[in-house]
Protein backbone atom coordinates (compact mmCIF):
# COMPACT_ATOMS: atom_id res chain seq x y z
CA MET A 1 31.81 0.93 -16.70
CA LYS A 2 30.53 -2.05 -14.71
CA LEU A 3 26.86 -2.32 -13.85
CA VAL A 4 25.81 -4.82 -11.15
CA VAL A 5 22.10 -5.46 -11.51
CA ASP A 6 19.44 -7.63 -9.91
CA GLU A 7 18.87 -10.60 -12.20
CA ASN A 8 15.10 -10.22 -11.85
CA MET A 9 15.00 -6.63 -13.08
CA PRO A 10 13.45 -6.68 -16.57
CA TYR A 11 14.73 -4.93 -19.70
CA VAL A 12 18.11 -4.10 -18.18
CA ARG A 13 20.14 -5.30 -21.15
CA GLU A 14 17.83 -3.58 -23.62
CA LEU A 15 18.25 -0.26 -21.82
CA PHE A 16 21.76 -0.34 -20.31
CA ALA A 17 23.87 -2.44 -22.71
CA ASP A 18 25.45 0.70 -24.18
CA PHE A 19 26.71 1.82 -20.76
CA GLY A 20 29.19 -1.01 -20.24
CA GLU A 21 29.49 -4.49 -18.76
CA ILE A 22 26.31 -5.83 -17.13
CA VAL A 23 26.68 -8.37 -14.33
CA ALA A 24 23.39 -9.94 -13.17
CA VAL A 25 23.27 -11.13 -9.55
CA ASN A 26 20.87 -12.61 -7.02
CA GLY A 27 19.67 -9.46 -5.30
CA ARG A 28 18.55 -11.14 -2.09
CA HIS A 29 21.99 -12.66 -1.47
CA LEU A 30 24.21 -9.90 -2.84
CA SER A 31 27.61 -9.60 -1.11
CA ALA A 32 30.12 -6.79 -0.63
CA GLU A 33 32.59 -8.68 -2.78
CA GLN A 34 30.19 -8.77 -5.71
CA VAL A 35 29.78 -4.99 -5.75
CA SER A 36 33.37 -4.09 -4.85
CA ASP A 37 34.22 -2.86 -8.36
CA ALA A 38 30.77 -1.75 -9.52
CA ASP A 39 30.27 1.70 -11.03
CA VAL A 40 26.48 1.36 -11.06
CA LEU A 41 24.25 -0.71 -8.76
CA LEU A 42 20.65 -1.43 -9.74
CA VAL A 43 18.52 -3.23 -7.15
CA ARG A 44 14.99 -4.09 -6.07
CA SER A 45 13.42 -4.17 -2.62
CA VAL A 46 15.09 -7.48 -1.65
CA THR A 47 18.55 -5.88 -1.44
CA GLN A 48 19.66 -3.91 1.62
CA VAL A 49 21.97 -1.17 0.35
CA ASN A 50 24.01 0.08 3.29
CA SER A 51 27.55 0.60 4.57
CA ALA A 52 28.12 -3.15 4.95
CA LEU A 53 27.22 -3.88 1.32
CA LEU A 54 29.33 -1.01 -0.04
CA ALA A 55 32.27 -1.31 2.36
CA GLN A 56 34.65 -2.58 -0.33
CA ASN A 57 33.55 -0.19 -3.08
CA SER A 58 35.24 3.17 -3.60
CA GLN A 59 34.07 4.00 -7.12
CA LEU A 60 30.28 3.73 -7.13
CA LYS A 61 28.70 6.46 -9.24
CA PHE A 62 25.00 5.63 -8.98
CA VAL A 63 22.55 3.47 -7.05
CA GLY A 64 19.10 2.90 -8.50
CA SER A 65 16.16 0.96 -7.10
CA ALA A 66 13.34 0.00 -9.46
CA THR A 67 10.83 0.30 -6.63
CA ILE A 68 8.42 2.73 -5.07
CA GLY A 69 9.58 2.01 -1.52
CA THR A 70 13.04 2.98 -0.29
CA ASP A 71 13.14 1.41 3.17
CA HIS A 72 15.86 -0.97 1.93
CA ILE A 73 18.20 1.91 1.07
CA ASP A 74 20.39 3.76 3.60
CA GLN A 75 20.06 7.10 1.87
CA ASP A 76 21.95 8.97 4.59
CA TYR A 77 24.96 6.73 4.02
CA LEU A 78 24.81 7.22 0.25
CA ALA A 79 24.58 10.97 0.75
CA SER A 80 27.60 10.90 3.07
CA ARG A 81 29.60 9.39 0.22
CA ASN A 82 28.07 11.65 -2.44
CA ILE A 83 26.63 8.67 -4.30
CA PRO A 84 23.57 9.70 -6.32
CA PHE A 85 20.46 7.61 -5.67
CA SER A 86 17.18 7.32 -7.51
CA SER A 87 14.11 5.15 -7.02
CA ALA A 88 11.06 4.80 -9.24
CA PRO A 89 8.14 6.41 -7.40
CA GLY A 90 4.84 5.62 -9.01
CA CYS A 91 6.27 3.11 -11.48
CA ASN A 92 3.92 0.32 -10.47
CA ALA A 93 1.13 2.37 -8.91
CA THR A 94 -1.31 1.47 -11.68
CA SER A 95 -0.40 -2.20 -11.33
CA VAL A 96 -1.05 -2.17 -7.58
CA GLY A 97 -4.27 -0.22 -8.04
CA GLU A 98 -5.57 -2.76 -10.53
CA TYR A 99 -4.48 -5.69 -8.33
CA VAL A 100 -6.49 -4.31 -5.41
CA PHE A 101 -9.48 -3.62 -7.65
CA ASN A 102 -9.32 -7.17 -9.02
CA ALA A 103 -9.07 -8.55 -5.50
CA LEU A 104 -12.13 -6.61 -4.40
CA LEU A 105 -14.11 -7.94 -7.36
CA GLU A 106 -13.05 -11.48 -6.42
CA LEU A 107 -14.11 -10.98 -2.80
CA ALA A 108 -17.39 -9.44 -3.91
CA GLU A 109 -18.18 -12.51 -6.01
CA LYS A 110 -17.15 -14.90 -3.25
CA TYR A 111 -19.25 -13.20 -0.58
CA GLY A 112 -22.16 -12.09 -2.75
CA ALA A 113 -21.53 -8.39 -2.21
CA ASP A 114 -22.04 -5.31 -4.36
CA LEU A 115 -18.97 -3.06 -4.34
CA HIS A 116 -21.22 -0.04 -4.72
CA ASP A 117 -22.44 -0.75 -1.19
CA LYS A 118 -18.92 -0.75 0.26
CA THR A 119 -16.84 2.07 1.67
CA VAL A 120 -13.14 1.41 1.12
CA GLY A 121 -10.66 2.90 3.57
CA ILE A 122 -7.31 3.54 1.86
CA VAL A 123 -4.41 3.87 4.27
CA GLY A 124 -1.68 5.75 2.44
CA ALA A 125 -2.75 8.16 -0.30
CA GLY A 126 0.47 8.52 -2.27
CA ASN A 127 0.97 7.14 -5.77
CA THR A 128 -0.36 3.64 -5.11
CA GLY A 129 -3.16 4.59 -2.76
CA SER A 130 -4.30 7.23 -5.24
CA ALA A 131 -4.27 4.64 -8.03
CA VAL A 132 -6.53 2.41 -5.94
CA ALA A 133 -8.84 5.37 -5.31
CA ARG A 134 -9.01 6.16 -9.04
CA CYS A 135 -10.09 2.63 -9.91
CA LEU A 136 -12.72 2.55 -7.19
CA SER A 137 -14.05 6.02 -7.96
CA ALA A 138 -14.31 5.13 -11.65
CA TRP A 139 -16.62 2.26 -10.66
CA GLY A 140 -18.59 4.45 -8.27
CA VAL A 141 -17.25 3.04 -5.00
CA ASN A 142 -16.98 5.35 -2.01
CA VAL A 143 -13.48 5.80 -0.56
CA MET A 144 -12.04 7.29 2.62
CA LEU A 145 -8.40 8.34 2.73
CA CYS A 146 -5.98 8.19 5.67
CA ASP A 147 -2.53 9.75 5.33
CA PRO A 148 -1.39 11.99 8.20
CA PRO A 149 1.84 13.18 6.51
CA LEU A 150 0.00 14.20 3.33
CA GLN A 151 -2.75 15.81 5.37
CA ARG A 152 -0.19 17.94 7.23
CA SER A 153 1.52 18.85 3.96
CA GLY A 154 -1.57 20.71 2.79
CA ASP A 155 -3.01 18.12 0.41
CA ASP A 156 -6.55 19.39 -0.19
CA ARG A 157 -8.25 15.98 -0.26
CA GLU A 158 -10.40 14.90 2.67
CA PHE A 159 -8.58 12.68 5.16
CA PHE A 160 -9.67 10.66 8.17
CA PRO A 161 -7.79 9.13 11.13
CA LEU A 162 -7.09 5.40 10.96
CA ASP A 163 -9.39 4.84 13.94
CA THR A 164 -12.24 6.40 11.95
CA LEU A 165 -11.57 4.07 9.01
CA ILE A 166 -11.58 1.09 11.37
CA ALA A 167 -14.93 2.18 12.77
CA GLN A 168 -16.66 3.26 9.56
CA ALA A 169 -15.14 1.59 6.50
CA ASP A 170 -16.09 -1.81 5.15
CA VAL A 171 -12.66 -2.43 3.59
CA LEU A 172 -9.15 -1.49 4.72
CA THR A 173 -6.35 -1.52 2.15
CA PHE A 174 -2.79 -0.48 3.04
CA HIS A 175 -0.43 1.48 0.76
CA VAL A 176 2.22 3.01 3.01
CA PRO A 177 6.02 2.85 3.08
CA LEU A 178 7.65 0.85 5.87
CA THR A 179 9.07 3.14 8.55
CA HIS A 180 10.10 2.35 12.11
CA ASP A 181 10.51 5.73 13.76
CA GLY A 182 8.56 8.89 14.40
CA ALA A 183 4.91 9.74 14.93
CA ASP A 184 3.96 8.23 11.59
CA ALA A 185 5.91 4.96 11.91
CA THR A 186 4.17 2.23 9.93
CA PHE A 187 5.80 -0.89 11.40
CA HIS A 188 2.86 -2.86 12.83
CA LEU A 189 0.60 0.07 12.01
CA LEU A 190 -2.18 -2.49 12.26
CA ASP A 191 -1.14 -4.07 15.53
CA ALA A 192 -2.84 -6.63 17.77
CA ALA A 193 -5.02 -4.03 19.47
CA LYS A 194 -6.33 -2.60 16.19
CA ILE A 195 -6.78 -6.06 14.66
CA ALA A 196 -8.95 -7.03 17.64
CA ARG A 197 -11.19 -4.04 16.91
CA LEU A 198 -11.84 -4.94 13.26
CA LYS A 199 -15.41 -5.93 12.48
CA SER A 200 -15.94 -9.59 11.53
CA ASN A 201 -17.22 -8.52 8.11
CA MET A 202 -14.32 -6.13 7.47
CA TRP A 203 -12.30 -6.87 4.32
CA LEU A 204 -8.54 -6.44 4.84
CA ILE A 205 -5.93 -6.00 2.09
CA ASN A 206 -2.18 -5.46 2.35
CA ALA A 207 -0.21 -4.74 -0.82
CA CYS A 208 2.61 -2.54 0.49
CA ARG A 209 4.99 -4.10 3.06
CA GLY A 210 4.34 -7.19 5.14
CA GLU A 211 5.51 -5.67 8.41
CA VAL A 212 2.80 -3.00 8.28
CA ILE A 213 0.42 -5.63 9.70
CA ASP A 214 1.35 -7.79 12.69
CA ASN A 215 1.06 -11.18 10.98
CA HIS A 216 1.08 -13.20 14.21
CA ALA A 217 -1.75 -11.10 15.61
CA LEU A 218 -3.61 -11.49 12.32
CA LEU A 219 -3.13 -15.26 12.49
CA ALA A 220 -4.60 -15.35 16.00
CA ARG A 221 -7.58 -13.31 14.77
CA GLN A 222 -8.16 -15.55 11.74
CA GLN A 223 -8.06 -18.65 13.92
CA THR A 224 -10.78 -17.33 16.24
CA GLN A 225 -12.85 -14.74 14.34
CA PRO A 226 -11.96 -14.93 10.65
CA MET A 227 -12.66 -12.15 8.18
CA PRO A 228 -11.98 -11.77 4.45
CA VAL A 229 -8.27 -11.06 3.90
CA VAL A 230 -6.03 -10.49 0.87
CA LEU A 231 -2.26 -10.55 1.45
CA ASP A 232 0.29 -9.87 -1.25
CA VAL A 233 3.03 -9.04 1.27
CA TRP A 234 4.14 -10.92 4.37
CA GLU A 235 6.28 -10.51 7.43
CA GLY A 236 9.43 -12.60 7.08
CA GLU A 237 9.52 -12.67 3.28
CA PRO A 238 10.50 -14.88 1.54
CA GLN A 239 9.29 -17.22 4.32
CA PRO A 240 5.72 -16.12 5.08
CA LEU A 241 3.97 -17.35 8.19
CA ALA A 242 2.90 -20.74 6.85
CA ALA A 243 -0.10 -21.14 9.14
CA LEU A 244 -1.55 -17.82 7.94
CA VAL A 245 -1.60 -18.65 4.21
CA PRO A 246 -4.56 -21.09 4.32
CA LEU A 247 -6.57 -18.59 6.38
CA VAL A 248 -6.63 -15.76 3.84
CA ASP A 249 -8.85 -15.52 0.78
CA ILE A 250 -6.18 -14.43 -1.70
CA ALA A 251 -2.46 -15.02 -1.16
CA THR A 252 0.31 -13.93 -3.53
CA PRO A 253 4.12 -13.45 -3.27
CA HIS A 254 4.60 -9.67 -3.36
CA ILE A 255 3.59 -9.33 -7.01
CA ALA A 256 0.84 -6.69 -6.84
CA GLY A 257 3.11 -4.30 -8.70
CA TYR A 258 4.45 -6.92 -11.10
CA SER A 259 2.66 -6.03 -14.32
CA LEU A 260 4.94 -5.92 -17.35
CA GLU A 261 4.10 -2.24 -17.71
CA GLY A 262 5.00 -1.47 -14.09
CA LYS A 263 8.26 -3.40 -14.13
CA ALA A 264 9.33 -1.90 -17.44
CA LEU A 265 8.59 1.62 -16.22
CA GLY A 266 10.64 1.08 -13.05
CA THR A 267 13.73 0.10 -15.05
CA PHE A 268 13.11 2.82 -17.62
CA MET A 269 12.98 5.53 -14.94
CA LEU A 270 16.44 4.45 -13.72
CA TYR A 271 17.70 4.52 -17.31
CA GLN A 272 16.42 8.09 -17.68
CA ARG A 273 18.10 9.14 -14.43
CA LEU A 274 21.47 7.60 -15.31
CA CYS A 275 21.38 9.25 -18.72
CA GLU A 276 20.75 12.56 -16.98
CA LEU A 277 23.64 12.06 -14.55
CA LEU A 278 26.06 11.10 -17.32
CA GLY A 279 24.87 13.73 -19.79
CA ARG A 280 23.72 11.15 -22.31
CA SER A 281 20.76 11.51 -24.62
CA ILE A 282 17.75 9.26 -24.08
CA ASP A 283 17.51 7.25 -27.27
CA LYS A 284 15.18 4.44 -26.18
CA SER A 285 11.45 4.45 -25.46
CA LEU A 286 9.26 2.58 -23.03
CA ALA A 287 6.82 1.56 -25.78
CA ASP A 288 9.55 -0.34 -27.61
CA LEU A 289 10.13 -2.63 -24.61
CA LEU A 290 6.67 -4.08 -24.16
CA PRO A 291 5.61 -7.12 -26.18
CA LYS A 292 2.29 -7.24 -27.93
CA ALA A 293 -0.35 -8.86 -25.75
CA TRP A 294 -1.91 -12.06 -27.03
CA PHE A 295 -5.22 -10.25 -26.74
CA GLN A 296 -5.82 -6.96 -28.54
CA GLN A 297 -9.45 -6.01 -28.16
CA VAL A 298 -12.83 -7.13 -26.86
CA ASN A 299 -16.21 -6.33 -28.40
CA LEU A 300 -18.79 -5.15 -25.89
CA ARG A 301 -22.49 -4.89 -26.59
CA GLN A 302 -23.41 -3.15 -23.36
CA THR A 303 -21.98 -1.77 -20.16
CA PRO A 304 -20.94 -4.74 -18.00
CA ASP A 305 -22.40 -5.27 -14.57
CA GLN A 306 -20.11 -6.23 -11.68
CA ALA A 307 -19.97 -9.88 -12.71
CA GLY A 308 -19.25 -8.89 -16.31
CA LEU A 309 -16.51 -6.52 -15.20
CA LEU A 310 -14.90 -9.32 -13.19
CA ARG A 311 -14.88 -11.53 -16.30
CA LEU A 312 -13.32 -8.69 -18.29
CA CYS A 313 -10.63 -8.14 -15.64
CA ARG A 314 -9.89 -11.87 -15.50
CA PHE A 315 -9.42 -11.82 -19.27
CA VAL A 316 -6.54 -9.38 -18.80
CA TYR A 317 -5.19 -10.85 -15.53
CA ASP A 318 -6.74 -13.68 -13.54
CA LEU A 319 -5.62 -13.16 -9.95
CA ARG A 320 -6.83 -16.63 -9.02
CA ASP A 321 -3.99 -18.22 -11.01
CA ASP A 322 -1.31 -16.59 -8.84
CA ASP A 323 -3.24 -17.43 -5.68
CA ARG A 324 -3.46 -21.12 -6.61
CA GLN A 325 0.21 -21.30 -7.57
CA PHE A 326 1.38 -19.54 -4.40
CA ARG A 327 -0.50 -21.94 -2.15
CA LYS A 328 1.35 -24.81 -3.80
CA ILE A 329 4.87 -23.39 -3.50
CA HIS A 330 5.02 -21.05 -0.51
CA GLN A 331 6.71 -23.62 1.75
CA ILE A 332 9.12 -24.90 -0.91
CA PRO A 333 12.67 -23.53 -0.49
CA ASP A 334 13.09 -20.54 -2.83
CA GLY A 335 9.50 -20.99 -4.01
CA PHE A 336 8.52 -17.44 -3.05
CA ASP A 337 11.40 -15.82 -4.95
CA ASN A 338 11.17 -18.18 -7.92
CA MET A 339 7.53 -17.35 -8.42
CA ARG A 340 8.36 -13.66 -8.41
CA LYS A 341 11.28 -14.20 -10.76
CA ASN A 342 9.14 -16.04 -13.28
CA HIS A 343 6.16 -13.70 -13.06
CA ARG A 344 6.06 -12.34 -16.60
CA HIS A 345 2.49 -12.93 -17.73
CA ARG A 346 0.57 -10.05 -16.21
CA ARG A 347 -0.62 -7.07 -18.21
CA GLU A 348 -2.50 -3.96 -17.15
CA PHE A 349 -5.99 -2.96 -18.28
CA SER A 350 -4.42 -0.58 -20.80
CA ALA A 351 -3.28 -3.57 -22.90
CA LEU A 352 -6.89 -4.23 -23.87
CA ALA A 353 -8.97 -2.07 -26.22
CA LEU A 354 -12.75 -2.13 -25.95
CA VAL A 355 -14.65 -1.97 -29.21
CA ASN A 356 -18.22 -0.89 -30.06
CA ALA A 357 -18.89 0.45 -26.58
CA ASP A 358 -21.39 3.23 -25.94
CA GLY A 359 -20.77 6.49 -24.14
CA SER A 360 -21.14 5.07 -20.65
CA GLU A 361 -18.17 2.79 -21.16
CA VAL A 362 -16.10 5.76 -22.23
CA ASP A 363 -16.84 7.40 -18.88
CA CYS A 364 -16.34 4.31 -16.74
CA LEU A 365 -14.10 1.66 -18.29
CA THR A 366 -11.54 4.05 -19.74
CA LYS A 367 -11.29 5.71 -16.33
CA LEU A 368 -10.58 2.25 -14.95
CA GLY A 369 -7.61 2.14 -17.33
CA PHE A 370 -8.77 0.14 -20.33
CA ALA A 371 -7.47 1.38 -23.66
CA GLY A 372 -9.46 4.02 -25.49
CA VAL A 373 -12.82 2.82 -26.65
CA VAL A 374 -13.16 2.43 -30.42
CA ARG A 375 -16.69 3.12 -31.70
C-alpha cells in the first residue's frame, strides 16, 4: 500500500508506517502525477482534492484531511467514485480557543481593558467557536453566539443575528467554515458594508478562513478608522495582503490550531478511521506521540488577576513570538508556509500543572484547560 502524505503533517510515520510505503510531498503544490498510484492520500487545508488532482488515479482507497474545515475537498466527487473520506472535526478546537483567549488577553493589556467588561460575539458556534466560548466563560466573560445553521437545527443555546453582534458586542471573533453558496454562505461574510458599520473600539479576530473577511475592505477601514484587529488567516494565502499586516495588532500565518496536541490529534483521528476501514486494531495511543514539555508545573500562591493570567498563558505559549516572526517573513517567498512547517513549539494549557492552588483556581483555571490542580 502506498500512502501519499503532506510533508507537514506530524506523526505520520509513527502512526502509519505499518500500513505500507509513505511518500511525503509538498501539499500546496501536489500534482496528479504524484498521486497517480496512491492507495491513501492524507492532506491538509492547502491541498485542493478534486477531479483534476485524482484524474490519473484509479485505485485510491481513502482520503483523509487532518483539518476541521473541508472546503478544500470535493466530497461529491469522492462520493461519486466511492472513495471514503474523513476529516478531523474538533481536532484543534482547543488550540484555536486558547489562541483567541491569548489574543484577547494581549489586546486587553495593550489597550488597558478588563475582559470582564467586554461582550464577545462569537460567529460560528461549532467545535472551535464553542471552545472559545468555554475559555471566555471560565474567566467570566460574557459571550453572544451567532450561528444560523445551528440555530435552525434545534441547538438549545441562545443565538443572535450577526447584525445584533455588530451593534452590541465589543469583540467579534469568526469561527465558520468557508462556503460560497446558499443563504448561509460565509465568503466575505464580513463585507465592506458590515466593516463600515463596526465601531471604532470594536475588537476584530479572524481565526477560521481568510476569505470570510473582505481583506481589501478591512485595509481601507484600517487606513482611515483603525480598530484593534487580530488576523491568523488571510485572503490570498500564502501571500497575504502586505499592506494590511502592519495595520493589525497581532498577525500570524494560519497557526491558531497549530498546538502539538491539536496537530497530533488530527493525524491520530485519520489513523483511527483508516484502521476502521481496513479492519485493523488500533494499537497506538495519542499520549505516546506527545513529547514531554520543558515545563511541568507552576506553583501559585493565589488566584491570578488578568495580568497574572496573561503571564501564565505566555509561559505556556507566547503569542507575541509568532507575531514578531511573521512580520519579518511574510513578504519573503515561501516565508508563510515555512513558518507553518517549522511551527513545533506550541503547547496547550493542559501541558502545565498548577500546584498549591486553592479552590477558586480549581473552578477557574482548570476550566480554562490547565492540568488538574495538585494541592
